[in-house]
Protein backbone atom coordinates (compact mmCIF):
# COMPACT_ATOMS: atom_id res chain seq x y z
CA MET A 1 162.40 60.64 123.35
CA GLN A 2 160.03 59.19 120.99
CA ARG A 3 159.99 62.41 119.01
CA ILE A 4 164.03 62.40 118.79
CA ASN A 5 163.75 58.56 117.92
CA SER A 6 161.30 59.29 115.29
CA TYR A 7 164.02 61.23 113.16
CA GLY A 8 166.37 58.61 112.95
CA ALA A 9 168.63 59.43 116.13
CA ASN A 10 169.78 56.88 118.42
CA ALA A 11 169.55 58.77 121.65
CA THR A 12 171.58 58.08 124.76
CA ILE A 13 170.14 59.11 128.08
CA TYR A 14 172.77 59.94 131.03
CA GLN A 15 171.46 60.15 134.56
CA LEU A 16 173.90 62.40 136.19
CA ASP A 17 172.70 60.95 139.58
CA ASP A 18 174.19 57.51 138.71
CA MET A 19 177.44 58.98 137.21
CA SER A 20 180.56 59.20 139.66
CA ASN A 21 181.30 62.87 138.23
CA GLY A 22 177.55 63.85 137.55
CA GLN A 23 178.24 66.92 139.95
CA GLU A 24 181.12 67.95 137.91
CA VAL A 25 178.97 67.24 134.56
CA ASP A 26 176.08 69.62 136.31
CA LYS A 27 178.50 72.36 137.17
CA ALA A 28 179.87 72.20 133.25
CA LEU A 29 176.18 72.66 132.03
CA GLN A 30 175.85 75.29 134.39
CA ARG A 31 178.72 76.94 132.90
CA LEU A 32 177.50 76.74 129.44
CA GLY A 33 174.36 78.81 130.61
CA LEU A 34 171.77 75.98 131.01
CA LYS A 35 169.57 76.94 134.21
CA PRO A 36 168.37 74.39 135.54
CA SER A 37 171.35 72.31 133.99
CA ILE A 38 169.07 69.37 133.23
CA PRO A 39 167.95 68.33 131.05
CA ALA A 40 170.60 69.23 128.61
CA VAL A 41 170.29 68.07 125.00
CA PHE A 42 173.18 67.67 122.45
CA ILE A 43 172.48 66.65 119.05
CA GLY A 44 175.71 65.89 117.08
CA GLN A 45 177.86 66.77 119.77
CA ARG A 46 176.32 70.35 119.44
CA LEU A 47 174.80 71.97 122.84
CA VAL A 48 171.20 72.46 121.60
CA GLY A 49 170.09 73.41 124.66
CA GLY A 50 167.52 72.74 127.72
CA ALA A 51 164.04 71.77 128.27
CA LYS A 52 162.75 74.95 127.24
CA ARG A 53 164.46 75.01 123.65
CA LEU A 54 163.66 71.52 123.28
CA LEU A 55 159.98 72.67 123.47
CA VAL A 56 160.15 75.22 121.59
CA CYS A 57 161.77 72.81 118.64
CA ARG A 58 159.43 70.12 119.31
CA PHE A 59 156.53 72.60 118.55
CA LYS A 60 157.84 74.00 115.58
CA GLU A 61 158.48 70.39 114.33
CA ASP A 62 161.78 71.43 113.76
CA LEU A 63 164.10 69.22 115.99
CA CYS A 64 166.24 68.85 113.35
CA GLN A 65 167.06 72.59 112.45
CA CYS A 66 167.72 73.34 116.44
């Protein structure tokens, strides 16, 4: 989260367990190809990917380009 914030982004975190439609959101993320479906990262309303993709971008110091 700090890494994302360091780029000037205003990150929002949604806890699926706390959402009334959390199971629906989880299924939708799985249909988009995320397995496991969380964490799912969106930048500018574009799906970047899950945890593995975020780590690859982080190690490449390239979050803005993901």
